[in-house]
N, C-alpha and C. Protein backbone atom coordinates (compact mmCIF):
# COMPACT_ATOMS: atom_id res chain seq x y z
N MET A 1 97.20 36.76 -43.57
CA MET A 1 97.75 37.54 -44.51
C MET A 1 96.99 37.56 -45.94
N ASP A 2 97.24 35.95 -46.35
CA ASP A 2 96.78 35.83 -47.88
C ASP A 2 95.40 36.07 -47.79
N LEU A 3 94.68 35.59 -46.64
CA LEU A 3 93.35 36.09 -46.53
C LEU A 3 92.77 37.46 -47.03
N LEU A 4 93.26 38.49 -46.32
CA LEU A 4 93.05 39.70 -46.86
C LEU A 4 93.90 40.22 -48.24
N VAL A 5 94.86 39.43 -48.76
CA VAL A 5 95.18 39.55 -50.22
C VAL A 5 94.20 39.34 -50.97
N GLN A 6 93.13 38.01 -50.75
CA GLN A 6 92.35 37.60 -51.39
C GLN A 6 90.88 38.86 -51.34
N ILE A 7 90.91 39.30 -50.05
CA ILE A 7 89.97 39.94 -49.95
C ILE A 7 89.73 41.40 -50.94
N PHE A 8 91.61 41.94 -50.61
CA PHE A 8 91.17 43.61 -51.54
C PHE A 8 92.07 43.35 -53.35
N ILE A 9 92.29 42.35 -53.30
CA ILE A 9 92.96 41.86 -54.77
C ILE A 9 91.98 41.13 -55.68
N GLY A 10 91.20 40.37 -55.04
CA GLY A 10 90.19 39.28 -56.01
C GLY A 10 89.07 39.85 -55.56
N TRP A 11 87.97 38.56 -56.25
CA TRP A 11 86.75 38.95 -56.60
C TRP A 11 85.64 39.96 -55.82
N PRO A 12 85.93 39.59 -54.09
CA PRO A 12 85.24 40.04 -53.21
C PRO A 12 84.91 41.68 -53.46
N SER A 13 86.65 42.18 -53.63
CA SER A 13 87.01 43.62 -53.67
C SER A 13 85.97 44.13 -55.15
N ILE A 14 86.24 43.44 -55.62
CA ILE A 14 85.29 43.95 -57.13
C ILE A 14 83.73 43.92 -57.48
N ILE A 15 83.49 42.99 -56.55
CA ILE A 15 82.21 43.13 -56.12
C ILE A 15 81.27 43.47 -55.57
N GLY A 16 82.37 44.02 -54.33
CA GLY A 16 81.97 44.82 -53.78
C GLY A 16 81.79 46.38 -53.71
N SER A 17 83.05 46.58 -54.47
CA SER A 17 83.40 48.22 -55.07
C SER A 17 82.04 47.75 -56.06
N LEU A 18 81.35 46.92 -57.58
CA LEU A 18 80.56 47.53 -57.91
C LEU A 18 78.91 47.88 -57.16
N LEU A 19 79.17 47.39 -55.82
CA LEU A 19 77.83 47.03 -55.43
C LEU A 19 78.19 48.54 -54.67
N ILE A 20 79.04 49.12 -53.86
CA ILE A 20 78.98 50.32 -53.08
C ILE A 20 79.04 50.98 -54.42
N SER A 21 79.20 51.58 -55.25
CA SER A 21 79.41 52.15 -56.37
C SER A 21 78.28 52.86 -56.52
N LEU A 22 77.17 51.30 -56.98
CA LEU A 22 75.75 51.69 -57.82
C LEU A 22 74.88 52.17 -56.64
N LEU A 23 75.23 51.58 -55.52
CA LEU A 23 74.54 52.63 -54.18
C LEU A 23 74.67 53.79 -54.39
N GLY A 24 75.77 54.14 -54.39
CA GLY A 24 76.55 55.60 -54.75
C GLY A 24 75.54 56.25 -55.42
N ILE A 25 76.01 56.07 -56.79
CA ILE A 25 75.09 56.84 -58.19
C ILE A 25 73.52 56.75 -57.70
N HIS A 26 73.15 55.81 -57.73
CA HIS A 26 71.40 55.69 -57.41
C HIS A 26 70.93 56.62 -55.93
N ASN A 27 71.72 56.54 -54.84
CA ASN A 27 71.26 57.44 -53.49
C ASN A 27 72.10 58.82 -53.86
N LYS A 28 72.93 59.05 -54.82
CA LYS A 28 73.50 60.75 -54.98
C LYS A 28 74.50 60.83 -53.92
N ARG A 29 75.29 59.73 -53.57
CA ARG A 29 76.10 59.44 -52.29
C ARG A 29 77.39 59.79 -53.09
N PRO A 30 78.24 60.62 -53.10
CA PRO A 30 79.50 60.83 -53.73
C PRO A 30 81.03 59.76 -53.27
N HIS A 31 80.53 59.80 -51.32
CA HIS A 31 81.40 59.27 -50.63
C HIS A 31 81.36 57.46 -50.97
N TYR A 32 80.15 57.41 -51.15
CA TYR A 32 80.21 55.40 -51.98
C TYR A 32 80.86 55.99 -52.75
N LEU A 33 80.82 56.51 -53.49
CA LEU A 33 81.61 56.02 -54.97
C LEU A 33 83.13 56.24 -54.35
N PHE A 34 83.89 57.03 -53.90
CA PHE A 34 85.02 57.21 -53.20
C PHE A 34 85.46 55.71 -52.45
N ILE A 35 84.80 55.48 -51.71
CA ILE A 35 84.83 53.94 -50.97
C ILE A 35 85.13 53.19 -52.21
N GLY A 36 84.27 53.17 -52.98
CA GLY A 36 84.20 51.72 -54.33
C GLY A 36 85.38 52.11 -54.74
N SER A 37 85.92 53.49 -54.70
CA SER A 37 87.36 53.69 -55.50
C SER A 37 88.47 53.24 -54.94
N LEU A 38 88.09 53.47 -53.46
CA LEU A 38 89.26 52.54 -52.73
C LEU A 38 89.07 51.02 -52.45
N LEU A 39 88.01 50.34 -53.00
CA LEU A 39 87.79 48.78 -52.93
C LEU A 39 88.62 48.48 -54.50
N SER A 40 88.52 49.44 -55.21
CA SER A 40 88.57 48.58 -56.57
C SER A 40 90.05 49.38 -57.15
N MET A 41 91.24 49.93 -55.87
CA MET A 41 92.46 50.07 -56.19
C MET A 41 93.45 48.67 -56.28
N GLY A 42 93.11 47.76 -55.43
CA GLY A 42 94.15 46.81 -55.10
C GLY A 42 93.89 45.80 -56.60
N PHE A 43 92.75 45.79 -56.98
CA PHE A 43 92.21 45.11 -58.64
C PHE A 43 93.05 45.68 -59.44
N ALA A 44 92.77 47.22 -59.55
CA ALA A 44 93.69 48.07 -60.66
C ALA A 44 94.69 47.87 -60.34
N TRP A 45 95.54 47.49 -59.88
CA TRP A 45 97.20 47.32 -59.12
C TRP A 45 97.41 46.18 -59.68
N TYR A 46 96.33 45.31 -60.00
CA TYR A 46 96.86 43.67 -60.51
C TYR A 46 96.86 44.37 -61.92
N LEU A 47 96.04 44.45 -62.27
CA LEU A 47 95.93 44.69 -63.76
C LEU A 47 97.14 45.37 -64.35
N THR A 48 97.03 46.86 -63.73
CA THR A 48 98.63 46.92 -64.05
C THR A 48 99.76 46.36 -64.54
N MET A 49 100.12 45.01 -63.78
CA MET A 49 101.35 44.08 -64.14
C MET A 49 100.71 43.42 -64.79
N SER A 50 99.44 43.43 -65.71
CA SER A 50 99.51 42.31 -66.62
C SER A 50 100.37 43.37 -67.94
N PRO A 51 100.98 41.99 -68.77
CA PRO A 51 101.70 42.38 -70.27
C PRO A 51 101.00 42.92 -71.03
N SER A 52 99.32 42.10 -71.20
CA SER A 52 99.01 42.69 -72.27
C SER A 52 98.44 44.54 -71.93
N LEU A 53 98.61 45.00 -72.93
CA LEU A 53 98.26 46.81 -72.96
C LEU A 53 97.14 46.85 -72.58
N HIS A 54 95.87 46.34 -73.37
CA HIS A 54 94.42 46.41 -72.67
C HIS A 54 93.96 46.44 -71.21
N LEU A 55 94.79 45.21 -70.58
CA LEU A 55 94.38 45.17 -69.17
C LEU A 55 95.47 46.31 -68.90
N ASN A 56 96.80 46.49 -68.89
CA ASN A 56 97.34 47.45 -67.98
C ASN A 56 96.37 48.77 -68.40
N LEU A 57 95.96 49.18 -69.38
CA LEU A 57 95.00 50.59 -69.38
C LEU A 57 93.86 50.58 -69.14
N LEU A 58 93.28 49.62 -68.79
CA LEU A 58 92.02 49.16 -67.88
C LEU A 58 92.60 49.11 -66.05
N GLY A 59 93.69 48.97 -65.91
CA GLY A 59 94.16 49.07 -64.91
C GLY A 59 94.38 50.40 -64.03
N TYR A 60 94.70 50.87 -65.06
CA TYR A 60 94.71 52.86 -64.32
C TYR A 60 93.23 53.58 -64.59
N PHE A 61 92.40 53.17 -65.54
CA PHE A 61 91.40 53.76 -65.53
C PHE A 61 89.94 53.46 -64.41
N LEU A 62 90.39 52.11 -64.27
CA LEU A 62 89.29 51.93 -63.06
C LEU A 62 89.02 52.35 -62.26
N PRO A 63 89.94 53.36 -61.11
CA PRO A 63 89.80 53.96 -60.12
C PRO A 63 89.27 55.65 -60.79
N PHE A 64 89.89 55.48 -61.73
CA PHE A 64 89.47 57.07 -62.06
C PHE A 64 87.97 57.06 -63.01
N SER A 65 87.46 56.20 -62.99
CA SER A 65 86.20 56.18 -63.51
C SER A 65 85.43 56.13 -62.16
N HIS A 66 85.74 56.08 -60.96
CA HIS A 66 84.99 56.31 -59.93
C HIS A 66 85.37 58.00 -60.03
N LEU A 67 86.35 58.43 -60.03
CA LEU A 67 86.38 59.54 -59.45
C LEU A 67 85.66 60.15 -60.36
N ILE A 68 85.30 60.24 -61.61
CA ILE A 68 84.69 60.92 -63.17
C ILE A 68 83.47 60.75 -62.82
N ALA A 69 82.59 59.97 -61.78
CA ALA A 69 81.57 59.66 -61.52
C ALA A 69 81.48 60.46 -60.49
N ILE A 70 82.21 61.03 -59.61
CA ILE A 70 81.82 61.82 -58.42
C ILE A 70 81.64 63.08 -58.87
N GLY A 71 82.51 63.48 -59.86
CA GLY A 71 82.35 64.40 -60.10
C GLY A 71 81.25 64.91 -61.00
N SER A 72 81.06 63.84 -61.57
CA SER A 72 79.43 63.93 -62.25
C SER A 72 78.18 64.08 -61.64
N LEU A 73 78.26 63.29 -59.84
CA LEU A 73 77.28 63.69 -58.88
C LEU A 73 77.50 64.85 -58.71
N ARG A 74 78.38 65.61 -58.17
CA ARG A 74 79.16 66.71 -57.06
C ARG A 74 77.97 67.97 -58.12
N GLY A 75 78.87 67.87 -59.79
CA GLY A 75 78.00 68.64 -60.71
C GLY A 75 76.54 68.74 -60.95
N LYS A 76 76.06 67.80 -60.73
CA LYS A 76 74.82 67.40 -60.90
C LYS A 76 74.19 67.51 -61.96
N LYS A 77 75.08 66.58 -63.26
CA LYS A 77 75.26 66.02 -64.01
C LYS A 77 74.56 64.74 -64.76
N SER A 78 74.14 63.89 -65.65
CA SER A 78 73.58 62.62 -65.72
C SER A 78 74.35 62.43 -66.52
N TRP A 79 75.67 62.02 -66.41
CA TRP A 79 76.53 61.56 -67.67
C TRP A 79 76.09 60.12 -67.83
């Protein structure tokens, strides 16, 4: 169980989320961005429990940034 927590909340999920999201943007595949969003949710949940307001807001914005990128790819806009 500890290994699963480290994978989904720790650095492997962040690096995996970043790589999958970059592949999704480069290849114009929105479902890769959705998978990247799911991988980043564990780390985002960890950040929302931070006492710092900046990290707390970053935790809420992290998965939504993936969803904004999905909307951009589906609308064929290059923001």
